[in-house]
Amino acid sequence: MRIINIVSIISIFLLFSYCSKEESLGPLSDFQFLVNGTEVTFNGTVRNAKTIEWDFGDGNSSNEEDPVHAYRNAGDYEVSMKVTDASGNSFTEVKKVSILPSPTILLTGGKANESGKTWKISKVYKAGKDGAGGVSDDLDIQILSVDNVLGLFGLSDVYEDRFTFFHDGRYVVDNKDGKSMMGVVYALINHAQNIRVVSADTQSLPLADVIYTPKSDATWEIKKGDFEVAAATGNVKFTDKTQLVLTEYLAYKDAGTFVILKELTDNYMNIALGIHTEPSIIDKPTLLFHMSLTAE
């Protein structure tokens, strides 16, 4: 019995000695992370930590050991994990997390941007970016645009419309005055009774402002690769292009929603859209309009 008591005492002594040695080492932390788009899953490892403080480098923080954080924008972020023990001693581990600027992030603002990212048609003409041209793979611009081109043709209200893209695939069109810009031929065939303003020169700018309620369940999707379009001049093959596939219009409504995403940055988008000007072949685009949008 005395032997058992001695063994027990020794075991307890060794346990306390181990704990004291462990505690004397002070707090320590390390972490790994996995990036998925704008969402990052952190996996922390700690020793002798009474409290944990994360700083995600974007103004947000957490006290969890294994937090999940979604960033609003692409970029490099300095992430720190600070642990403090019961005596007030602390240790901080710092690592860089990089969020790459994918088209989805640039278009929507990422998963953290729950209100989506809103775009509007730009009034400012960009040389080599805006204008009109044929339906062709080279996306050549043959007719140049000018600043405030829609206003010059009596369609300035369209600059107030907003187009919002959400990370989960939702898409919302907000036509501020209840009117949407449409291809004039499409409008005459499908919405003649609701036309309120027609371009001052429909030969140069075949568009109209029409009373219209956009879809409430519209969606978006980005597709990259080769595709073919049945144009007025025949089938046209586009090679290695990025399509913005929408179930509601962007910029103006016309027969079909044919949008090529030419350029996309954090605050600028340049697109080419089909416009249908021949009533007898209203399902086939005759031109491509090249337009710029800016993020709010």
C-alpha atoms as a PDB file:
ATOM      1  CA  MET A   1       0.000   0.000   0.000  1.00  0.00           C
ATOM      2  CA  ARG A   2       2.933   2.310   0.911  1.00  0.00           C
ATOM      3  CA  ILE A   3       4.528   1.579  -2.478  1.00  0.00           C
ATOM      4  CA  ILE A   4       1.323   2.582  -4.328  1.00  0.00           C
ATOM      5  CA  ASN A   5       1.122   5.863  -2.380  1.00  0.00           C
ATOM      6  CA  ILE A   6       4.752   6.635  -3.193  1.00  0.00           C
ATOM      7  CA  VAL A   7       4.132   5.964  -6.915  1.00  0.00           C
ATOM      8  CA  SER A   8       1.043   8.187  -6.848  1.00  0.00           C
ATOM      9  CA  ILE A   9       2.970  11.004  -5.187  1.00  0.00           C
ATOM     10  CA  ILE A  10       5.768  10.702  -7.741  1.00  0.00           C
ATOM     11  CA  SER A  11       3.239  10.733 -10.617  1.00  0.00           C
ATOM     12  CA  ILE A  12       1.531  13.844  -9.295  1.00  0.00           C
ATOM     13  CA  PHE A  13       4.915  15.526  -8.783  1.00  0.00           C
ATOM     14  CA  LEU A  14       5.959  14.714 -12.350  1.00  0.00           C
ATOM     15  CA  LEU A  15       2.623  15.987 -13.726  1.00  0.00           C
ATOM     16  CA  PHE A  16       2.943  19.303 -11.911  1.00  0.00           C
ATOM     17  CA  SER A  17       6.582  19.541 -12.974  1.00  0.00           C
ATOM     18  CA  TYR A  18       5.593  18.976 -16.608  1.00  0.00           C
ATOM     19  CA  CYS A  19       2.805  21.540 -16.424  1.00  0.00           C
ATOM     20  CA  SER A  20       5.094  24.061 -14.759  1.00  0.00           C
ATOM     21  CA  LYS A  21       7.721  23.473 -17.437  1.00  0.00           C
ATOM     22  CA  GLU A  22       5.087  23.832 -20.178  1.00  0.00           C
ATOM     23  CA  GLU A  23       3.774  27.059 -18.683  1.00  0.00           C
ATOM     24  CA  SER A  24       7.302  28.427 -18.258  1.00  0.00           C
ATOM     25  CA  LEU A  25       7.796  28.168 -21.988  1.00  0.00           C
ATOM     26  CA  GLY A  26       5.242  30.938 -22.525  1.00  0.00           C
ATOM     27  CA  PRO A  27       2.494  31.226 -25.147  1.00  0.00           C
ATOM     28  CA  LEU A  28       3.058  30.163 -28.747  1.00  0.00           C
ATOM     29  CA  SER A  29       0.950  30.177 -31.907  1.00  0.00           C
ATOM     30  CA  ASP A  30       1.092  29.150 -35.539  1.00  0.00           C
ATOM     31  CA  PHE A  31      -1.497  28.899 -38.289  1.00  0.00           C
ATOM     32  CA  GLN A  32      -2.128  27.561 -41.754  1.00  0.00           C
ATOM     33  CA  PHE A  33      -4.752  28.804 -44.213  1.00  0.00           C
ATOM     34  CA  LEU A  34      -6.674  27.802 -47.311  1.00  0.00           C
ATOM     35  CA  VAL A  35      -7.812  30.422 -49.854  1.00  0.00           C
ATOM     36  CA  ASN A  36     -11.004  29.836 -51.850  1.00  0.00           C
ATOM     37  CA  GLY A  37     -11.797  32.933 -53.911  1.00  0.00           C
ATOM     38  CA  THR A  38     -12.183  35.701 -51.347  1.00  0.00           C
ATOM     39  CA  GLU A  39     -12.932  33.303 -48.482  1.00  0.00           C
ATOM     40  CA  VAL A  40     -10.043  32.102 -46.310  1.00  0.00           C
ATOM     41  CA  THR A  41     -10.195  29.265 -43.768  1.00  0.00           C
ATOM     42  CA  PHE A  42      -7.603  29.612 -40.991  1.00  0.00           C
ATOM     43  CA  ASN A  43      -6.398  26.693 -38.865  1.00  0.00           C
ATOM     44  CA  GLY A  44      -4.628  27.845 -35.690  1.00  0.00           C
ATOM     45  CA  THR A  45      -2.336  25.916 -33.339  1.00  0.00           C
ATOM     46  CA  VAL A  46      -1.684  27.352 -29.851  1.00  0.00           C
ATOM     47  CA  ARG A  47       0.178  26.601 -26.625  1.00  0.00           C
ATOM     48  CA  ASN A  48      -0.486  28.144 -23.210  1.00  0.00           C
ATOM     49  CA  ALA A  49      -2.988  30.568 -24.687  1.00  0.00           C
ATOM     50  CA  LYS A  50      -5.671  32.139 -22.534  1.00  0.00           C
ATOM     51  CA  THR A  51      -6.820  34.509 -25.292  1.00  0.00           C
ATOM     52  CA  ILE A  52      -6.539  34.543 -29.093  1.00  0.00           C
ATOM     53  CA  GLU A  53      -6.683  37.648 -31.257  1.00  0.00           C
ATOM     54  CA  TRP A  54      -6.741  37.543 -35.046  1.00  0.00           C
ATOM     55  CA  ASP A  55      -6.155  40.595 -37.228  1.00  0.00           C
ATOM     56  CA  PHE A  56      -7.057  39.845 -40.847  1.00  0.00           C
ATOM     57  CA  GLY A  57      -5.294  42.923 -42.203  1.00  0.00           C
ATOM     58  CA  ASP A  58      -8.458  44.543 -43.577  1.00  0.00           C
ATOM     59  CA  GLY A  59      -9.851  46.066 -40.385  1.00  0.00           C
ATOM     60  CA  ASN A  60     -11.624  42.884 -39.261  1.00  0.00           C
ATOM     61  CA  SER A  61     -10.716  40.572 -36.384  1.00  0.00           C
ATOM     62  CA  SER A  62     -11.726  37.377 -34.555  1.00  0.00           C
ATOM     63  CA  ASN A  63     -11.173  35.564 -31.237  1.00  0.00           C
ATOM     64  CA  GLU A  64     -11.825  32.076 -32.596  1.00  0.00           C
ATOM     65  CA  GLU A  65      -9.043  29.527 -32.897  1.00  0.00           C
ATOM     66  CA  ASP A  66     -10.050  28.446 -36.430  1.00  0.00           C
ATOM     67  CA  PRO A  67     -11.930  31.347 -38.037  1.00  0.00           C
ATOM     68  CA  VAL A  68     -13.246  31.691 -41.580  1.00  0.00           C
ATOM     69  CA  HIS A  69     -12.989  35.161 -43.099  1.00  0.00           C
ATOM     70  CA  ALA A  70     -14.170  36.614 -46.429  1.00  0.00           C
ATOM     71  CA  TYR A  71     -12.314  39.568 -47.926  1.00  0.00           C
ATOM     72  CA  ARG A  72     -14.092  42.291 -49.902  1.00  0.00           C
ATOM     73  CA  ASN A  73     -11.283  42.966 -52.370  1.00  0.00           C
ATOM     74  CA  ALA A  74      -8.336  41.296 -54.016  1.00  0.00           C
ATOM     75  CA  GLY A  75      -4.867  42.121 -52.683  1.00  0.00           C
ATOM     76  CA  ASP A  76      -2.179  41.107 -50.200  1.00  0.00           C
ATOM     77  CA  TYR A  77      -3.110  41.126 -46.518  1.00  0.00           C
ATOM     78  CA  GLU A  78      -0.837  40.822 -43.470  1.00  0.00           C
ATOM     79  CA  VAL A  79      -2.649  38.466 -41.081  1.00  0.00           C
ATOM     80  CA  SER A  80      -1.579  38.142 -37.450  1.00  0.00           C
ATOM     81  CA  MET A  81      -2.553  35.647 -34.752  1.00  0.00           C
ATOM     82  CA  LYS A  82      -1.718  36.892 -31.241  1.00  0.00           C
ATOM     83  CA  VAL A  83      -1.983  34.631 -28.182  1.00  0.00           C
ATOM     84  CA  THR A  84      -1.694  35.728 -24.560  1.00  0.00           C
ATOM     85  CA  ASP A  85      -1.244  33.528 -21.489  1.00  0.00           C
ATOM     86  CA  ALA A  86      -2.622  33.939 -17.965  1.00  0.00           C
ATOM     87  CA  SER A  87       0.431  35.965 -16.909  1.00  0.00           C
ATOM     88  CA  GLY A  88      -0.018  38.491 -19.705  1.00  0.00           C
ATOM     89  CA  ASN A  89       2.834  37.197 -21.848  1.00  0.00           C
ATOM     90  CA  SER A  90       2.056  37.197 -25.560  1.00  0.00           C
ATOM     91  CA  PHE A  91       3.290  35.816 -28.868  1.00  0.00           C
ATOM     92  CA  THR A  92       2.280  36.901 -32.375  1.00  0.00           C
ATOM     93  CA  GLU A  93       2.559  34.935 -35.622  1.00  0.00           C
ATOM     94  CA  VAL A  94       2.278  36.949 -38.874  1.00  0.00           C
ATOM     95  CA  LYS A  95       1.768  35.678 -42.433  1.00  0.00           C
ATOM     96  CA  LYS A  96       0.804  37.164 -45.798  1.00  0.00           C
ATOM     97  CA  VAL A  97      -2.483  36.114 -47.413  1.00  0.00           C
ATOM     98  CA  SER A  98      -2.974  36.891 -51.112  1.00  0.00           C
ATOM     99  CA  ILE A  99      -6.423  37.217 -52.673  1.00  0.00           C
ATOM    100  CA  LEU A 100      -6.108  37.037 -56.452  1.00  0.00           C
ATOM    101  CA  PRO A 101      -8.241  39.341 -58.651  1.00  0.00           C
ATOM    102  CA  SER A 102     -10.450  36.768 -60.384  1.00  0.00           C
ATOM    103  CA  PRO A 103     -13.221  38.001 -62.724  1.00  0.00           C
ATOM    104  CA  THR A 104     -15.851  37.014 -60.151  1.00  0.00           C
ATOM    105  CA  ILE A 105     -14.168  39.068 -57.432  1.00  0.00           C
ATOM    106  CA  LEU A 106     -13.710  42.074 -59.724  1.00  0.00           C
ATOM    107  CA  LEU A 107     -17.315  41.914 -60.948  1.00  0.00           C
ATOM    108  CA  THR A 108     -19.054  41.355 -57.600  1.00  0.00           C
ATOM    109  CA  GLY A 109     -16.658  42.471 -54.882  1.00  0.00           C
ATOM    110  CA  GLY A 110     -16.426  38.930 -53.528  1.00  0.00           C
ATOM    111  CA  LYS A 111     -18.346  36.913 -50.975  1.00  0.00           C
ATOM    112  CA  ALA A 112     -17.895  39.462 -48.169  1.00  0.00           C
ATOM    113  CA  ASN A 113     -19.659  42.120 -50.234  1.00  0.00           C
ATOM    114  CA  GLU A 114     -23.194  41.030 -49.350  1.00  0.00           C
ATOM    115  CA  SER A 115     -24.771  44.091 -50.984  1.00  0.00           C
ATOM    116  CA  GLY A 116     -23.139  43.227 -54.312  1.00  0.00           C
ATOM    117  CA  LYS A 117     -21.127  45.474 -56.593  1.00  0.00           C
ATOM    118  CA  THR A 118     -22.952  48.142 -58.572  1.00  0.00           C
ATOM    119  CA  TRP A 119     -21.984  49.442 -62.005  1.00  0.00           C
ATOM    120  CA  LYS A 120     -23.198  52.333 -64.154  1.00  0.00           C
ATOM    121  CA  ILE A 121     -22.698  53.385 -67.770  1.00  0.00           C
ATOM    122  CA  SER A 122     -19.780  55.777 -68.090  1.00  0.00           C
ATOM    123  CA  LYS A 123     -20.246  59.216 -69.621  1.00  0.00           C
ATOM    124  CA  VAL A 124     -16.546  59.444 -70.402  1.00  0.00           C
ATOM    125  CA  TYR A 125     -15.395  58.288 -73.832  1.00  0.00           C
ATOM    126  CA  LYS A 126     -12.351  56.005 -73.839  1.00  0.00           C
ATOM    127  CA  ALA A 127     -10.416  56.034 -77.098  1.00  0.00           C
ATOM    128  CA  GLY A 128     -10.002  52.570 -78.569  1.00  0.00           C
ATOM    129  CA  LYS A 129     -12.556  51.163 -76.108  1.00  0.00           C
ATOM    130  CA  ASP A 130     -15.936  52.736 -76.969  1.00  0.00           C
ATOM    131  CA  GLY A 131     -17.849  52.980 -80.240  1.00  0.00           C
ATOM    132  CA  ALA A 132     -19.368  50.548 -82.719  1.00  0.00           C
ATOM    133  CA  GLY A 133     -18.212  47.940 -85.201  1.00  0.00           C
ATOM    134  CA  GLY A 134     -19.177  44.808 -87.032  1.00  0.00           C
ATOM    135  CA  VAL A 135     -19.920  41.471 -85.434  1.00  0.00           C
ATOM    136  CA  SER A 136     -16.449  39.971 -85.740  1.00  0.00           C
ATOM    137  CA  ASP A 137     -13.909  38.111 -83.661  1.00  0.00           C
ATOM    138  CA  ASP A 138     -11.395  40.978 -83.792  1.00  0.00           C
ATOM    139  CA  LEU A 139     -13.884  43.267 -81.988  1.00  0.00           C
ATOM    140  CA  ASP A 140     -12.774  46.086 -84.263  1.00  0.00           C
ATOM    141  CA  ILE A 141     -14.216  49.552 -83.571  1.00  0.00           C
ATOM    142  CA  GLN A 142     -15.072  51.345 -86.828  1.00  0.00           C
ATOM    143  CA  ILE A 143     -17.294  54.151 -85.510  1.00  0.00           C
ATOM    144  CA  LEU A 144     -15.881  56.242 -82.670  1.00  0.00           C
ATOM    145  CA  SER A 145     -17.924  57.485 -79.745  1.00  0.00           C
ATOM    146  CA  VAL A 146     -17.737  60.768 -77.792  1.00  0.00           C
ATOM    147  CA  ASP A 147     -18.173  61.944 -74.208  1.00  0.00           C
ATOM    148  CA  ASN A 148     -21.797  61.858 -72.993  1.00  0.00           C
ATOM    149  CA  VAL A 149     -22.922  60.244 -76.236  1.00  0.00           C
ATOM    150  CA  LEU A 150     -26.287  59.133 -74.819  1.00  0.00           C
ATOM    151  CA  GLY A 151     -27.029  62.632 -73.547  1.00  0.00           C
ATOM    152  CA  LEU A 152     -26.249  64.136 -76.945  1.00  0.00           C
ATOM    153  CA  PHE A 153     -28.939  61.910 -78.457  1.00  0.00           C
ATOM    154  CA  GLY A 154     -31.537  62.688 -75.772  1.00  0.00           C
ATOM    155  CA  LEU A 155     -31.062  59.577 -73.618  1.00  0.00           C
ATOM    156  CA  SER A 156     -29.210  61.060 -70.637  1.00  0.00           C
ATOM    157  CA  ASP A 157     -31.583  59.438 -68.082  1.00  0.00           C
ATOM    158  CA  VAL A 158     -29.943  56.102 -68.799  1.00  0.00           C
ATOM    159  CA  TYR A 159     -26.814  57.223 -66.953  1.00  0.00           C
ATOM    160  CA  GLU A 160     -28.851  56.937 -63.738  1.00  0.00           C
ATOM    161  CA  ASP A 161     -29.540  53.212 -64.203  1.00  0.00           C
ATOM    162  CA  ARG A 162     -27.605  50.791 -62.014  1.00  0.00           C
ATOM    163  CA  PHE A 163     -26.518  47.172 -62.564  1.00  0.00           C
ATOM    164  CA  THR A 164     -25.601  45.127 -59.472  1.00  0.00           C
ATOM    165  CA  PHE A 165     -23.814  41.775 -59.478  1.00  0.00           C
ATOM    166  CA  PHE A 166     -23.811  39.485 -56.428  1.00  0.00           C
ATOM    167  CA  HIS A 167     -21.267  36.785 -55.599  1.00  0.00           C
ATOM    168  CA  ASP A 168     -23.973  34.094 -55.437  1.00  0.00           C
ATOM    169  CA  GLY A 169     -25.012  34.675 -59.079  1.00  0.00           C
ATOM    170  CA  ARG A 170     -27.875  37.106 -58.551  1.00  0.00           C
ATOM    171  CA  TYR A 171     -28.127  40.144 -60.820  1.00  0.00           C
ATOM    172  CA  VAL A 172     -30.285  43.227 -60.278  1.00  0.00           C
ATOM    173  CA  VAL A 173     -31.115  45.964 -62.781  1.00  0.00           C
ATOM    174  CA  ASP A 174     -32.364  49.212 -61.229  1.00  0.00           C
ATOM    175  CA  ASN A 175     -33.788  51.537 -63.878  1.00  0.00           C
ATOM    176  CA  LYS A 176     -34.216  54.614 -61.698  1.00  0.00           C
ATOM    177  CA  ASP A 177     -37.072  56.269 -63.592  1.00  0.00           C
ATOM    178  CA  GLY A 178     -38.905  53.057 -64.543  1.00  0.00           C
ATOM    179  CA  LYS A 179     -37.574  53.252 -68.102  1.00  0.00           C
ATOM    180  CA  SER A 180     -34.936  51.086 -69.724  1.00  0.00           C
ATOM    181  CA  MET A 181     -32.832  51.746 -72.795  1.00  0.00           C
ATOM    182  CA  MET A 182     -33.639  49.344 -75.645  1.00  0.00           C
ATOM    183  CA  GLY A 183     -32.673  48.746 -79.232  1.00  0.00           C
ATOM    184  CA  VAL A 184     -35.176  50.854 -81.163  1.00  0.00           C
ATOM    185  CA  VAL A 185     -36.197  48.075 -83.586  1.00  0.00           C
ATOM    186  CA  TYR A 186     -36.665  45.620 -80.732  1.00  0.00           C
ATOM    187  CA  ALA A 187     -38.689  48.237 -78.824  1.00  0.00           C
ATOM    188  CA  LEU A 188     -40.956  48.988 -81.808  1.00  0.00           C
ATOM    189  CA  ILE A 189     -41.708  45.287 -82.270  1.00  0.00           C
ATOM    190  CA  ASN A 190     -42.165  44.321 -78.617  1.00  0.00           C
ATOM    191  CA  HIS A 191     -42.831  47.465 -76.543  1.00  0.00           C
ATOM    192  CA  ALA A 192     -44.138  50.108 -78.953  1.00  0.00           C
ATOM    193  CA  GLN A 193     -46.845  51.356 -76.575  1.00  0.00           C
ATOM    194  CA  ASN A 194     -44.273  51.973 -73.835  1.00  0.00           C
ATOM    195  CA  ILE A 195     -41.697  53.955 -75.829  1.00  0.00           C
ATOM    196  CA  ARG A 196     -41.153  57.365 -74.241  1.00  0.00           C
ATOM    197  CA  VAL A 197     -37.990  58.740 -75.836  1.00  0.00           C
ATOM    198  CA  VAL A 198     -36.317  57.839 -79.134  1.00  0.00           C
ATOM    199  CA  SER A 199     -32.745  58.669 -80.053  1.00  0.00           C
ATOM    200  CA  ALA A 200     -32.399  61.987 -81.890  1.00  0.00           C
ATOM    201  CA  ASP A 201     -30.726  60.082 -84.723  1.00  0.00           C
ATOM    202  CA  THR A 202     -31.729  56.420 -84.920  1.00  0.00           C
ATOM    203  CA  GLN A 203     -29.380  55.832 -87.844  1.00  0.00           C
ATOM    204  CA  SER A 204     -26.349  56.728 -85.734  1.00  0.00           C
ATOM    205  CA  LEU A 205     -27.686  55.510 -82.380  1.00  0.00           C
ATOM    206  CA  PRO A 206     -30.633  53.097 -82.797  1.00  0.00           C
ATOM    207  CA  LEU A 207     -31.800  53.197 -79.180  1.00  0.00           C
ATOM    208  CA  ALA A 208     -34.915  54.263 -77.261  1.00  0.00           C
ATOM    209  CA  ASP A 209     -36.022  54.798 -73.660  1.00  0.00           C
ATOM    210  CA  VAL A 210     -38.943  52.504 -72.816  1.00  0.00           C
ATOM    211  CA  ILE A 211     -41.106  51.861 -69.747  1.00  0.00           C
ATOM    212  CA  TYR A 212     -40.064  48.431 -68.525  1.00  0.00           C
ATOM    213  CA  THR A 213     -39.843  46.397 -65.312  1.00  0.00           C
ATOM    214  CA  PRO A 214     -36.634  44.328 -65.138  1.00  0.00           C
ATOM    215  CA  LYS A 215     -36.765  40.734 -63.944  1.00  0.00           C
ATOM    216  CA  SER A 216     -36.530  40.253 -60.193  1.00  0.00           C
ATOM    217  CA  ASP A 217     -34.824  36.848 -60.473  1.00  0.00           C
ATOM    218  CA  ALA A 218     -32.093  37.673 -62.996  1.00  0.00           C
ATOM    219  CA  THR A 219     -28.742  35.849 -62.855  1.00  0.00           C
ATOM    220  CA  TRP A 220     -25.234  36.174 -64.266  1.00  0.00           C
ATOM    221  CA  GLU A 221     -22.463  33.762 -65.236  1.00  0.00           C
ATOM    222  CA  ILE A 222     -18.998  34.151 -66.751  1.00  0.00           C
ATOM    223  CA  LYS A 223     -17.894  31.788 -69.521  1.00  0.00           C
ATOM    224  CA  LYS A 224     -14.534  31.810 -71.266  1.00  0.00           C
ATOM    225  CA  GLY A 225     -13.656  30.004 -74.490  1.00  0.00           C
ATOM    226  CA  ASP A 226     -14.791  29.684 -78.084  1.00  0.00           C
ATOM    227  CA  PHE A 227     -18.384  30.233 -79.161  1.00  0.00           C
ATOM    228  CA  GLU A 228     -20.406  31.022 -82.278  1.00  0.00           C
ATOM    229  CA  VAL A 229     -23.001  33.716 -82.904  1.00  0.00           C
ATOM    230  CA  ALA A 230     -25.608  33.722 -85.684  1.00  0.00           C
ATOM    231  CA  ALA A 231     -25.163  37.299 -86.928  1.00  0.00           C
ATOM    232  CA  ALA A 232     -26.868  39.180 -89.756  1.00  0.00           C
ATOM    233  CA  THR A 233     -23.860  38.507 -91.978  1.00  0.00           C
ATOM    234  CA  GLY A 234     -23.758  34.810 -91.114  1.00  0.00           C
ATOM    235  CA  ASN A 235     -22.294  32.681 -88.363  1.00  0.00           C
ATOM    236  CA  VAL A 236     -19.353  34.307 -86.607  1.00  0.00           C
ATOM    237  CA  LYS A 237     -16.908  32.307 -84.504  1.00  0.00           C
ATOM    238  CA  PHE A 238     -15.380  34.032 -81.492  1.00  0.00           C
ATOM    239  CA  THR A 239     -12.114  32.584 -80.183  1.00  0.00           C
ATOM    240  CA  ASP A 240     -10.948  32.656 -76.560  1.00  0.00           C
ATOM    241  CA  LYS A 241     -13.399  35.352 -75.501  1.00  0.00           C
ATOM    242  CA  THR A 242     -15.091  35.935 -72.164  1.00  0.00           C
ATOM    243  CA  GLN A 243     -18.881  36.030 -72.215  1.00  0.00           C
ATOM    244  CA  LEU A 244     -21.019  37.623 -69.556  1.00  0.00           C
ATOM    245  CA  VAL A 245     -24.108  35.422 -69.710  1.00  0.00           C
ATOM    246  CA  LEU A 246     -27.137  37.273 -68.324  1.00  0.00           C
ATOM    247  CA  THR A 247     -30.846  36.574 -68.004  1.00  0.00           C
ATOM    248  CA  GLU A 248     -31.547  40.322 -68.034  1.00  0.00           C
ATOM    249  CA  TYR A 249     -30.009  43.156 -70.005  1.00  0.00           C
ATOM    250  CA  LEU A 250     -26.857  45.135 -69.272  1.00  0.00           C
ATOM    251  CA  ALA A 251     -26.774  48.773 -70.517  1.00  0.00           C
ATOM    252  CA  TYR A 252     -29.659  48.254 -72.966  1.00  0.00           C
ATOM    253  CA  LYS A 253     -32.248  45.583 -73.719  1.00  0.00           C
ATOM    254  CA  ASP A 254     -32.423  43.995 -77.149  1.00  0.00           C
ATOM    255  CA  ALA A 255     -33.332  40.728 -78.860  1.00  0.00           C
ATOM    256  CA  GLY A 256     -31.161  38.311 -76.928  1.00  0.00           C
ATOM    257  CA  THR A 257     -28.468  39.208 -74.403  1.00  0.00           C
ATOM    258  CA  PHE A 258     -25.124  38.891 -76.144  1.00  0.00           C
ATOM    259  CA  VAL A 259     -22.327  40.423 -74.060  1.00  0.00           C
ATOM    260  CA  ILE A 260     -18.559  40.033 -74.475  1.00  0.00           C
ATOM    261  CA  LEU A 261     -16.464  41.075 -71.497  1.00  0.00           C
ATOM    262  CA  LYS A 262     -13.463  42.802 -73.085  1.00  0.00           C
ATOM    263  CA  GLU A 263     -11.832  44.263 -69.979  1.00  0.00           C
ATOM    264  CA  LEU A 264     -12.511  44.124 -66.251  1.00  0.00           C
ATOM    265  CA  THR A 265     -10.669  45.796 -63.383  1.00  0.00           C
ATOM    266  CA  ASP A 266     -11.704  46.683 -59.853  1.00  0.00           C
ATOM    267  CA  ASN A 267     -13.523  49.838 -61.018  1.00  0.00           C
ATOM    268  CA  TYR A 268     -13.791  49.606 -64.815  1.00  0.00           C
ATOM    269  CA  MET A 269     -15.607  47.321 -67.242  1.00  0.00           C
ATOM    270  CA  ASN A 270     -15.566  47.424 -71.045  1.00  0.00           C
ATOM    271  CA  ILE A 271     -18.064  45.313 -72.967  1.00  0.00           C
ATOM    272  CA  ALA A 272     -19.249  44.621 -76.506  1.00  0.00           C
ATOM    273  CA  LEU A 273     -23.002  44.074 -76.953  1.00  0.00           C
ATOM    274  CA  GLY A 274     -24.999  42.951 -79.935  1.00  0.00           C
ATOM    275  CA  ILE A 275     -27.506  45.408 -81.411  1.00  0.00           C
ATOM    276  CA  HIS A 276     -30.261  44.256 -83.792  1.00  0.00           C
ATOM    277  CA  THR A 277     -31.295  46.815 -86.410  1.00  0.00           C
ATOM    278  CA  GLU A 278     -32.983  44.742 -89.142  1.00  0.00           C
ATOM    279  CA  PRO A 279     -36.682  43.939 -88.436  1.00  0.00           C
ATOM    280  CA  SER A 280     -36.666  40.937 -90.787  1.00  0.00           C
ATOM    281  CA  ILE A 281     -33.833  39.267 -88.872  1.00  0.00           C
ATOM    282  CA  ILE A 282     -34.441  40.668 -85.396  1.00  0.00           C
ATOM    283  CA  ASP A 283     -32.874  37.571 -83.826  1.00  0.00           C
ATOM    284  CA  LYS A 284     -29.491  38.282 -85.474  1.00  0.00           C
ATOM    285  CA  PRO A 285     -27.206  41.155 -84.364  1.00  0.00           C
ATOM    286  CA  THR A 286     -26.025  43.541 -87.075  1.00  0.00           C
ATOM    287  CA  LEU A 287     -23.479  45.484 -85.021  1.00  0.00           C
ATOM    288  CA  LEU A 288     -21.552  45.414 -81.784  1.00  0.00           C
ATOM    289  CA  PHE A 289     -21.716  48.437 -79.494  1.00  0.00           C
ATOM    290  CA  HIS A 290     -18.622  48.874 -77.334  1.00  0.00           C
ATOM    291  CA  MET A 291     -19.383  50.538 -73.991  1.00  0.00           C
ATOM    292  CA  SER A 292     -17.644  51.317 -70.709  1.00  0.00           C
ATOM    293  CA  LEU A 293     -19.078  51.033 -67.205  1.00  0.00           C
ATOM    294  CA  THR A 294     -17.621  52.163 -63.891  1.00  0.00           C
ATOM    295  CA  ALA A 295     -18.112  50.762 -60.403  1.00  0.00           C
ATOM    296  CA  GLU A 296     -19.682  52.840 -57.653  1.00  0.00           C
END
